Amino acid sequence: MEDNILQKARQTLTSYLEENKRRKTPERYAILDAIYHINGHFTLEELGAKMEADNFRVSKATLYNAINLFMQIRLVVRHTFQQGTQYEACFHSDYHCHQICTMCGKVQEVGAPVSALIGNIKLKRFHPMGCSLDIYGVCSSCHAKMTRMKSRKQMIKSNSKKNEQRKS
């Protein structure tokens, strides 16, 4: 993650904590740093493991509380996918789009064209702060597996019909 984005996220956190008279704990900043150094989606368990690998132990309660705070001030976004709840740093993007395979659960980010389209939507009497879009379908790997399975079934069916005709 770019250091510039991390610094802006840290400034946002500091401003929020000061304005709301909340403590600026080293744990909050360490968790934020860890999140912004993870590339892509993560679970709370993965975040905890990363913190431990960085020799910074925090309780699960501290992780949950920090994540909830970060979601409240839009530094982190929560996604509910087939394989469970995952989180992602979101300071750098107001419009976020995923494509999700309904067979294997694979999640991929969708790039700028879709985000640009969403960003250009004009809404009446509404000021959007962000958007998350999930597109469900079948990935190319699962589609290829389905096609192979269908071909095999047709071949077996054809062979069994030929065998029946020979017996007759």
N, C-alpha and C. Protein backbone atom coordinates (compact mmCIF):
# COMPACT_ATOMS: atom_id res chain seq x y z
N MET A 1 0.86 -1.18 0.00
CA MET A 1 0.00 0.00 0.00
C MET A 1 0.89 1.23 0.00
N GLU A 2 0.48 2.25 -0.72
CA GLU A 2 1.26 3.47 -0.80
C GLU A 2 1.35 4.14 0.57
N ASP A 3 2.55 4.65 0.90
CA ASP A 3 2.73 5.33 2.19
C ASP A 3 1.86 6.58 2.29
N ASN A 4 1.63 7.24 1.16
CA ASN A 4 0.81 8.45 1.14
C ASN A 4 -0.62 8.14 1.61
N ILE A 5 -1.17 7.04 1.13
CA ILE A 5 -2.53 6.63 1.52
C ILE A 5 -2.55 6.27 2.99
N LEU A 6 -1.53 5.55 3.46
CA LEU A 6 -1.46 5.19 4.87
C LEU A 6 -1.38 6.44 5.74
N GLN A 7 -0.59 7.41 5.32
CA GLN A 7 -0.48 8.65 6.11
C GLN A 7 -1.81 9.39 6.17
N LYS A 8 -2.54 9.43 5.05
CA LYS A 8 -3.85 10.08 5.05
C LYS A 8 -4.83 9.33 5.95
N ALA A 9 -4.76 8.00 5.92
CA ALA A 9 -5.63 7.19 6.79
C ALA A 9 -5.30 7.45 8.25
N ARG A 10 -4.02 7.55 8.57
CA ARG A 10 -3.60 7.84 9.95
C ARG A 10 -4.07 9.24 10.38
N GLN A 11 -3.98 10.20 9.47
CA GLN A 11 -4.45 11.56 9.78
C GLN A 11 -5.96 11.57 10.02
N THR A 12 -6.69 10.81 9.22
CA THR A 12 -8.14 10.71 9.39
C THR A 12 -8.46 10.12 10.76
N LEU A 13 -7.75 9.06 11.13
CA LEU A 13 -7.96 8.44 12.43
C LEU A 13 -7.64 9.42 13.55
N THR A 14 -6.52 10.11 13.45
CA THR A 14 -6.12 11.06 14.48
C THR A 14 -7.17 12.17 14.63
N SER A 15 -7.62 12.71 13.51
CA SER A 15 -8.63 13.78 13.56
C SER A 15 -9.90 13.29 14.24
N TYR A 16 -10.35 12.08 13.86
CA TYR A 16 -11.57 11.52 14.44
C TYR A 16 -11.42 11.34 15.95
N LEU A 17 -10.29 10.76 16.36
CA LEU A 17 -10.06 10.51 17.79
C LEU A 17 -10.01 11.81 18.58
N GLU A 18 -9.36 12.82 18.04
CA GLU A 18 -9.27 14.12 18.72
C GLU A 18 -10.64 14.79 18.81
N GLU A 19 -11.38 14.80 17.70
CA GLU A 19 -12.69 15.44 17.69
C GLU A 19 -13.68 14.78 18.63
N ASN A 20 -13.55 13.48 18.80
CA ASN A 20 -14.48 12.73 19.63
C ASN A 20 -13.91 12.41 21.01
N LYS A 21 -12.80 13.06 21.35
CA LYS A 21 -12.16 12.91 22.66
C LYS A 21 -11.94 11.44 23.04
N ARG A 22 -11.38 10.70 22.10
CA ARG A 22 -11.06 9.29 22.33
C ARG A 22 -9.55 9.13 22.36
N ARG A 23 -9.11 8.07 23.01
CA ARG A 23 -7.67 7.87 23.19
C ARG A 23 -6.98 7.46 21.89
N LYS A 24 -5.79 8.01 21.69
CA LYS A 24 -4.96 7.64 20.54
C LYS A 24 -3.99 6.55 21.01
N THR A 25 -4.46 5.31 20.97
CA THR A 25 -3.66 4.20 21.50
C THR A 25 -2.71 3.65 20.42
N PRO A 26 -1.56 3.16 20.87
CA PRO A 26 -0.62 2.56 19.90
C PRO A 26 -1.22 1.34 19.19
N GLU A 27 -2.13 0.62 19.88
CA GLU A 27 -2.77 -0.54 19.27
C GLU A 27 -3.59 -0.15 18.05
N ARG A 28 -4.36 0.92 18.15
CA ARG A 28 -5.19 1.36 17.02
C ARG A 28 -4.32 1.67 15.80
N TYR A 29 -3.22 2.39 16.05
CA TYR A 29 -2.36 2.76 14.92
C TYR A 29 -1.62 1.55 14.36
N ALA A 30 -1.23 0.62 15.23
CA ALA A 30 -0.54 -0.59 14.75
C ALA A 30 -1.50 -1.45 13.91
N ILE A 31 -2.75 -1.55 14.36
CA ILE A 31 -3.74 -2.32 13.60
C ILE A 31 -4.01 -1.65 12.26
N LEU A 32 -4.16 -0.33 12.26
CA LEU A 32 -4.38 0.40 11.01
C LEU A 32 -3.20 0.19 10.06
N ASP A 33 -1.98 0.28 10.57
CA ASP A 33 -0.80 0.06 9.73
C ASP A 33 -0.80 -1.34 9.14
N ALA A 34 -1.12 -2.33 9.95
CA ALA A 34 -1.15 -3.72 9.47
C ALA A 34 -2.19 -3.88 8.37
N ILE A 35 -3.37 -3.30 8.57
CA ILE A 35 -4.45 -3.39 7.57
C ILE A 35 -4.00 -2.79 6.25
N TYR A 36 -3.37 -1.63 6.31
CA TYR A 36 -2.98 -0.94 5.07
C TYR A 36 -1.73 -1.54 4.43
N HIS A 37 -1.13 -2.54 5.08
CA HIS A 37 -0.03 -3.27 4.46
C HIS A 37 -0.47 -4.64 3.95
N ILE A 38 -1.75 -4.96 4.15
CA ILE A 38 -2.30 -6.20 3.59
C ILE A 38 -2.83 -5.86 2.20
N ASN A 39 -2.49 -6.67 1.25
CA ASN A 39 -2.94 -6.45 -0.12
C ASN A 39 -4.26 -7.18 -0.33
N GLY A 40 -5.36 -6.47 -0.41
CA GLY A 40 -6.64 -7.11 -0.68
C GLY A 40 -7.44 -7.41 0.56
N HIS A 41 -8.27 -8.46 0.46
CA HIS A 41 -9.20 -8.83 1.53
C HIS A 41 -8.49 -9.61 2.63
N PHE A 42 -9.03 -9.54 3.84
CA PHE A 42 -8.48 -10.29 4.95
C PHE A 42 -9.58 -10.60 5.96
N THR A 43 -9.36 -11.64 6.74
CA THR A 43 -10.25 -11.96 7.85
C THR A 43 -9.63 -11.41 9.13
N LEU A 44 -10.41 -11.38 10.20
CA LEU A 44 -9.85 -10.94 11.48
C LEU A 44 -8.76 -11.89 11.96
N GLU A 45 -8.92 -13.18 11.66
CA GLU A 45 -7.90 -14.16 12.05
C GLU A 45 -6.59 -13.88 11.31
N GLU A 46 -6.68 -13.57 10.02
CA GLU A 46 -5.48 -13.25 9.25
C GLU A 46 -4.83 -11.97 9.76
N LEU A 47 -5.65 -11.00 10.13
CA LEU A 47 -5.11 -9.75 10.68
C LEU A 47 -4.39 -10.02 12.00
N GLY A 48 -5.01 -10.83 12.86
CA GLY A 48 -4.38 -11.19 14.13
C GLY A 48 -3.06 -11.90 13.92
N ALA A 49 -3.01 -12.81 12.94
CA ALA A 49 -1.78 -13.54 12.63
C ALA A 49 -0.70 -12.59 12.13
N LYS A 50 -1.10 -11.62 11.31
CA LYS A 50 -0.13 -10.63 10.80
C LYS A 50 0.42 -9.79 11.95
N MET A 51 -0.46 -9.39 12.85
CA MET A 51 -0.02 -8.60 14.00
C MET A 51 0.98 -9.40 14.84
N GLU A 52 0.68 -10.68 15.05
CA GLU A 52 1.58 -11.54 15.82
C GLU A 52 2.91 -11.71 15.10
N ALA A 53 2.88 -11.88 13.78
CA ALA A 53 4.11 -12.01 13.00
C ALA A 53 4.96 -10.75 13.09
N ASP A 54 4.29 -9.61 13.25
CA ASP A 54 5.00 -8.33 13.40
C ASP A 54 5.37 -8.07 14.85
N ASN A 55 5.23 -9.11 15.71
CA ASN A 55 5.53 -9.02 17.15
C ASN A 55 4.73 -7.94 17.86
N PHE A 56 3.46 -7.83 17.51
CA PHE A 56 2.56 -6.89 18.18
C PHE A 56 1.29 -7.66 18.51
N ARG A 57 1.21 -8.15 19.73
CA ARG A 57 0.06 -8.96 20.13
C ARG A 57 -1.09 -8.07 20.61
N VAL A 58 -2.27 -8.36 20.08
CA VAL A 58 -3.48 -7.67 20.52
C VAL A 58 -4.57 -8.71 20.71
N SER A 59 -5.48 -8.42 21.60
CA SER A 59 -6.58 -9.36 21.86
C SER A 59 -7.58 -9.30 20.72
N LYS A 60 -8.42 -10.34 20.64
CA LYS A 60 -9.47 -10.35 19.62
C LYS A 60 -10.44 -9.19 19.85
N ALA A 61 -10.70 -8.89 21.11
CA ALA A 61 -11.62 -7.79 21.43
C ALA A 61 -11.07 -6.46 20.90
N THR A 62 -9.76 -6.27 21.05
CA THR A 62 -9.15 -5.04 20.54
C THR A 62 -9.25 -4.98 19.02
N LEU A 63 -9.03 -6.13 18.36
CA LEU A 63 -9.16 -6.17 16.90
C LEU A 63 -10.59 -5.84 16.47
N TYR A 64 -11.58 -6.47 17.11
CA TYR A 64 -12.99 -6.21 16.77
C TYR A 64 -13.34 -4.75 16.98
N ASN A 65 -12.94 -4.21 18.12
CA ASN A 65 -13.26 -2.81 18.41
C ASN A 65 -12.59 -1.86 17.43
N ALA A 66 -11.34 -2.13 17.09
CA ALA A 66 -10.62 -1.28 16.13
C ALA A 66 -11.26 -1.36 14.75
N ILE A 67 -11.59 -2.57 14.31
CA ILE A 67 -12.23 -2.74 12.99
C ILE A 67 -13.54 -1.99 12.95
N ASN A 68 -14.35 -2.10 14.00
CA ASN A 68 -15.64 -1.38 14.05
C ASN A 68 -15.43 0.12 13.99
N LEU A 69 -14.43 0.62 14.69
CA LEU A 69 -14.11 2.05 14.64
C LEU A 69 -13.69 2.45 13.23
N PHE A 70 -12.83 1.66 12.60
CA PHE A 70 -12.34 1.97 11.26
C PHE A 70 -13.46 1.93 10.23
N MET A 71 -14.42 1.01 10.41
CA MET A 71 -15.56 0.96 9.50
C MET A 71 -16.43 2.21 9.68
N GLN A 72 -16.58 2.64 10.91
CA GLN A 72 -17.39 3.82 11.21
C GLN A 72 -16.83 5.07 10.52
N ILE A 73 -15.53 5.19 10.46
CA ILE A 73 -14.94 6.39 9.84
C ILE A 73 -14.43 6.11 8.41
N ARG A 74 -14.91 4.99 7.83
CA ARG A 74 -14.68 4.63 6.43
C ARG A 74 -13.20 4.44 6.08
N LEU A 75 -12.45 3.84 6.99
CA LEU A 75 -11.07 3.46 6.69
C LEU A 75 -10.99 1.99 6.29
N VAL A 76 -12.04 1.24 6.64
CA VAL A 76 -12.13 -0.19 6.34
C VAL A 76 -13.56 -0.48 5.92
N VAL A 77 -13.71 -1.41 5.00
CA VAL A 77 -15.05 -1.85 4.57
C VAL A 77 -15.18 -3.34 4.83
N ARG A 78 -16.38 -3.76 5.23
CA ARG A 78 -16.65 -5.19 5.49
C ARG A 78 -17.41 -5.77 4.30
N HIS A 79 -17.00 -6.98 3.88
CA HIS A 79 -17.67 -7.70 2.81
C HIS A 79 -18.14 -9.05 3.37
N THR A 80 -19.32 -9.46 2.96
CA THR A 80 -19.81 -10.78 3.33
C THR A 80 -19.84 -11.63 2.07
N PHE A 81 -18.86 -12.52 1.97
CA PHE A 81 -18.73 -13.40 0.83
C PHE A 81 -19.16 -14.81 1.23
N GLN A 82 -19.18 -15.73 0.26
CA GLN A 82 -19.57 -17.12 0.53
C GLN A 82 -18.69 -17.75 1.61
N GLN A 83 -17.40 -17.45 1.57
CA GLN A 83 -16.49 -18.07 2.53
C GLN A 83 -16.45 -17.34 3.86
N GLY A 84 -17.27 -16.32 4.03
CA GLY A 84 -17.36 -15.63 5.32
C GLY A 84 -17.08 -14.14 5.22
N THR A 85 -17.02 -13.52 6.36
CA THR A 85 -16.80 -12.08 6.43
C THR A 85 -15.33 -11.76 6.22
N GLN A 86 -15.09 -10.79 5.35
CA GLN A 86 -13.73 -10.32 5.10
C GLN A 86 -13.75 -8.80 5.11
N TYR A 87 -12.59 -8.22 5.32
CA TYR A 87 -12.44 -6.77 5.40
C TYR A 87 -11.42 -6.31 4.38
N GLU A 88 -11.41 -4.99 4.17
CA GLU A 88 -10.47 -4.43 3.20
C GLU A 88 -10.26 -2.96 3.50
N ALA A 89 -9.03 -2.51 3.34
CA ALA A 89 -8.74 -1.08 3.46
C ALA A 89 -9.47 -0.36 2.34
N CYS A 90 -10.09 0.79 2.64
CA CYS A 90 -10.90 1.43 1.59
C CYS A 90 -10.69 2.93 1.49
N PHE A 91 -9.69 3.48 2.13
CA PHE A 91 -9.50 4.93 2.13
C PHE A 91 -9.33 5.49 0.72
N HIS A 92 -8.68 4.75 -0.14
CA HIS A 92 -8.32 5.23 -1.48
C HIS A 92 -9.43 5.05 -2.52
N SER A 93 -10.54 4.37 -2.16
CA SER A 93 -11.56 4.17 -3.19
C SER A 93 -12.96 4.35 -2.61
N ASP A 94 -13.73 5.23 -3.23
CA ASP A 94 -15.10 5.45 -2.80
C ASP A 94 -16.05 4.47 -3.48
N TYR A 95 -15.68 3.97 -4.65
CA TYR A 95 -16.53 3.05 -5.41
C TYR A 95 -15.78 1.74 -5.58
N HIS A 96 -16.40 0.67 -5.12
CA HIS A 96 -15.71 -0.59 -5.02
C HIS A 96 -16.55 -1.69 -5.68
N CYS A 97 -15.92 -2.51 -6.50
CA CYS A 97 -16.68 -3.53 -7.23
C CYS A 97 -15.92 -4.86 -7.22
N HIS A 98 -16.67 -5.96 -6.98
CA HIS A 98 -16.10 -7.32 -7.00
C HIS A 98 -16.87 -8.19 -7.97
N GLN A 99 -16.19 -9.17 -8.53
CA GLN A 99 -16.88 -10.24 -9.23
C GLN A 99 -16.66 -11.50 -8.40
N ILE A 100 -17.77 -12.22 -8.14
CA ILE A 100 -17.75 -13.34 -7.21
C ILE A 100 -18.27 -14.59 -7.93
N CYS A 101 -17.47 -15.64 -7.93
CA CYS A 101 -17.89 -16.91 -8.54
C CYS A 101 -18.82 -17.63 -7.57
N THR A 102 -20.00 -17.99 -8.05
CA THR A 102 -20.98 -18.66 -7.20
C THR A 102 -20.66 -20.14 -7.00
N MET A 103 -19.70 -20.66 -7.74
CA MET A 103 -19.35 -22.07 -7.60
C MET A 103 -18.19 -22.27 -6.63
N CYS A 104 -17.08 -21.56 -6.85
CA CYS A 104 -15.89 -21.77 -6.02
C CYS A 104 -15.70 -20.67 -4.97
N GLY A 105 -16.45 -19.58 -5.10
CA GLY A 105 -16.35 -18.50 -4.12
C GLY A 105 -15.21 -17.52 -4.36
N LYS A 106 -14.49 -17.69 -5.47
CA LYS A 106 -13.35 -16.81 -5.78
C LYS A 106 -13.84 -15.37 -5.94
N VAL A 107 -13.11 -14.43 -5.34
CA VAL A 107 -13.47 -13.01 -5.40
C VAL A 107 -12.35 -12.25 -6.09
N GLN A 108 -12.71 -11.44 -7.07
CA GLN A 108 -11.73 -10.60 -7.77
C GLN A 108 -12.22 -9.17 -7.80
N GLU A 109 -11.29 -8.25 -7.72
CA GLU A 109 -11.61 -6.84 -7.84
C GLU A 109 -11.92 -6.52 -9.30
N VAL A 110 -12.89 -5.64 -9.51
CA VAL A 110 -13.20 -5.17 -10.86
C VAL A 110 -12.61 -3.76 -10.94
N GLY A 111 -11.91 -3.50 -12.02
CA GLY A 111 -11.14 -2.28 -12.15
C GLY A 111 -11.91 -1.01 -12.41
N ALA A 112 -11.17 -0.04 -12.87
CA ALA A 112 -11.62 1.34 -13.03
C ALA A 112 -12.86 1.56 -13.89
N PRO A 113 -13.06 0.86 -15.01
CA PRO A 113 -14.22 1.21 -15.85
C PRO A 113 -15.55 1.16 -15.11
N VAL A 114 -15.77 0.11 -14.31
CA VAL A 114 -17.03 0.00 -13.58
C VAL A 114 -17.10 1.08 -12.51
N SER A 115 -16.00 1.31 -11.80
CA SER A 115 -15.96 2.34 -10.77
C SER A 115 -16.23 3.72 -11.36
N ALA A 116 -15.69 3.96 -12.55
CA ALA A 116 -15.91 5.25 -13.21
C ALA A 116 -17.39 5.42 -13.57
N LEU A 117 -18.01 4.35 -14.06
CA LEU A 117 -19.44 4.41 -14.38
C LEU A 117 -20.28 4.72 -13.14
N ILE A 118 -19.97 4.02 -12.06
CA ILE A 118 -20.71 4.25 -10.82
C ILE A 118 -20.50 5.68 -10.34
N GLY A 119 -19.27 6.16 -10.43
CA GLY A 119 -18.96 7.52 -9.99
C GLY A 119 -19.65 8.60 -10.79
N ASN A 120 -20.04 8.30 -12.03
CA ASN A 120 -20.69 9.29 -12.89
C ASN A 120 -22.21 9.31 -12.77
N ILE A 121 -22.76 8.41 -11.96
CA ILE A 121 -24.21 8.39 -11.78
C ILE A 121 -24.65 9.63 -11.01
N LYS A 122 -25.64 10.33 -11.55
CA LYS A 122 -26.19 11.52 -10.89
C LYS A 122 -27.42 11.11 -10.08
N LEU A 123 -27.40 11.40 -8.81
CA LEU A 123 -28.51 11.04 -7.94
C LEU A 123 -29.23 12.31 -7.49
N LYS A 124 -30.55 12.26 -7.44
CA LYS A 124 -31.34 13.42 -7.04
C LYS A 124 -31.39 13.53 -5.52
N ARG A 125 -31.06 14.69 -5.03
CA ARG A 125 -31.19 15.02 -3.62
C ARG A 125 -30.48 14.01 -2.73
N PHE A 126 -29.31 13.59 -3.17
CA PHE A 126 -28.55 12.60 -2.42
C PHE A 126 -27.08 12.80 -2.72
N HIS A 127 -26.24 12.78 -1.67
CA HIS A 127 -24.80 12.96 -1.84
C HIS A 127 -24.10 11.66 -1.44
N PRO A 128 -23.75 10.83 -2.42
CA PRO A 128 -23.14 9.53 -2.09
C PRO A 128 -21.74 9.70 -1.49
N MET A 129 -21.43 8.82 -0.55
CA MET A 129 -20.10 8.81 0.07
C MET A 129 -19.29 7.61 -0.41
N GLY A 130 -19.96 6.67 -1.01
CA GLY A 130 -19.26 5.47 -1.48
C GLY A 130 -20.26 4.46 -1.97
N CYS A 131 -19.74 3.40 -2.56
CA CYS A 131 -20.61 2.38 -3.12
C CYS A 131 -19.82 1.08 -3.21
N SER A 132 -20.52 -0.02 -2.96
CA SER A 132 -19.93 -1.33 -3.12
C SER A 132 -20.85 -2.15 -4.01
N LEU A 133 -20.30 -2.77 -5.03
CA LEU A 133 -21.09 -3.54 -5.98
C LEU A 133 -20.49 -4.94 -6.10
N ASP A 134 -21.34 -5.95 -5.98
CA ASP A 134 -20.91 -7.33 -6.14
C ASP A 134 -21.61 -7.92 -7.36
N ILE A 135 -20.83 -8.46 -8.27
CA ILE A 135 -21.37 -9.08 -9.47
C ILE A 135 -21.17 -10.59 -9.33
N TYR A 136 -22.27 -11.34 -9.33
CA TYR A 136 -22.20 -12.79 -9.15
C TYR A 136 -22.26 -13.49 -10.50
N GLY A 137 -21.52 -14.57 -10.61
CA GLY A 137 -21.49 -15.35 -11.83
C GLY A 137 -20.60 -16.55 -11.67
N VAL A 138 -20.07 -17.06 -12.78
CA VAL A 138 -19.21 -18.24 -12.77
C VAL A 138 -17.87 -17.85 -13.39
N CYS A 139 -16.78 -18.12 -12.68
CA CYS A 139 -15.45 -17.78 -13.18
C CYS A 139 -15.08 -18.69 -14.35
N SER A 140 -14.08 -18.32 -15.10
CA SER A 140 -13.69 -19.09 -16.28
C SER A 140 -13.24 -20.50 -15.93
N SER A 141 -12.58 -20.68 -14.80
CA SER A 141 -12.14 -22.03 -14.39
C SER A 141 -13.33 -22.93 -14.13
N CYS A 142 -14.30 -22.44 -13.38
CA CYS A 142 -15.50 -23.25 -13.08
C CYS A 142 -16.33 -23.48 -14.34
N HIS A 143 -16.37 -22.48 -15.21
CA HIS A 143 -17.12 -22.62 -16.46
C HIS A 143 -16.50 -23.74 -17.31
N ALA A 144 -15.17 -23.76 -17.37
CA ALA A 144 -14.47 -24.80 -18.14
C ALA A 144 -14.74 -26.19 -17.53
N LYS A 145 -14.74 -26.29 -16.20
CA LYS A 145 -15.04 -27.57 -15.54
C LYS A 145 -16.46 -28.02 -15.88
N MET A 146 -17.41 -27.09 -15.84
CA MET A 146 -18.81 -27.43 -16.16
C MET A 146 -18.92 -27.92 -17.60
N THR A 147 -18.23 -27.26 -18.50
CA THR A 147 -18.27 -27.64 -19.92
C THR A 147 -17.69 -29.04 -20.11
N ARG A 148 -16.56 -29.32 -19.44
CA ARG A 148 -15.94 -30.65 -19.54
C ARG A 148 -16.88 -31.72 -18.98
N MET A 149 -17.50 -31.43 -17.84
CA MET A 149 -18.42 -32.40 -17.24
C MET A 149 -19.61 -32.65 -18.15
N LYS A 150 -20.15 -31.60 -18.75
CA LYS A 150 -21.28 -31.73 -19.66
C LYS A 150 -20.89 -32.57 -20.87
N SER A 151 -19.69 -32.33 -21.41
CA SER A 151 -19.21 -33.10 -22.57
C SER A 151 -19.05 -34.57 -22.21
N ARG A 152 -18.51 -34.85 -21.00
CA ARG A 152 -18.34 -36.23 -20.56
C ARG A 152 -19.68 -36.93 -20.43
N LYS A 153 -20.65 -36.25 -19.83
CA LYS A 153 -21.99 -36.83 -19.66
C LYS A 153 -22.61 -37.15 -21.01
N GLN A 154 -22.46 -36.24 -21.98
CA GLN A 154 -23.02 -36.47 -23.31
C GLN A 154 -22.32 -37.64 -23.98
N MET A 155 -21.00 -37.74 -23.79
CA MET A 155 -20.24 -38.83 -24.39
C MET A 155 -20.68 -40.17 -23.78
N ILE A 156 -20.84 -40.21 -22.47
CA ILE A 156 -21.27 -41.44 -21.80
C ILE A 156 -22.67 -41.83 -22.25
N LYS A 157 -23.54 -40.84 -22.35
CA LYS A 157 -24.91 -41.09 -22.79
C LYS A 157 -24.92 -41.64 -24.22
N SER A 158 -24.11 -41.04 -25.08
CA SER A 158 -24.01 -41.48 -26.47
C SER A 158 -23.47 -42.90 -26.55
N ASN A 159 -22.43 -43.20 -25.77
CA ASN A 159 -21.84 -44.54 -25.76
C ASN A 159 -22.82 -45.58 -25.24
N SER A 160 -23.60 -45.23 -24.23
CA SER A 160 -24.57 -46.19 -23.68
C SER A 160 -25.68 -46.46 -24.70
N LYS A 161 -26.10 -45.45 -25.47
CA LYS A 161 -27.10 -45.65 -26.51
C LYS A 161 -26.55 -46.56 -27.59
N LYS A 162 -25.29 -46.38 -27.98
CA LYS A 162 -24.66 -47.23 -28.99
C LYS A 162 -24.59 -48.67 -28.50
N ASN A 163 -24.23 -48.85 -27.22
CA ASN A 163 -24.15 -50.19 -26.65
C ASN A 163 -25.53 -50.86 -26.63
N GLU A 164 -26.56 -50.11 -26.32
CA GLU A 164 -27.93 -50.66 -26.31
C GLU A 164 -28.35 -51.07 -27.72
N GLN A 165 -27.99 -50.27 -28.72
CA GLN A 165 -28.36 -50.60 -30.10
C GLN A 165 -27.63 -51.86 -30.57
N ARG A 166 -26.40 -52.06 -30.15
CA ARG A 166 -25.63 -53.24 -30.54
C ARG A 166 -26.24 -54.50 -29.92
N LYS A 167 -26.73 -54.37 -28.69
CA LYS A 167 -27.32 -55.53 -28.00
C LYS A 167 -28.65 -55.92 -28.64
N SER A 168 -29.33 -54.99 -29.23
CA SER A 168 -30.65 -55.26 -29.81
C SER A 168 -30.60 -55.99 -31.09
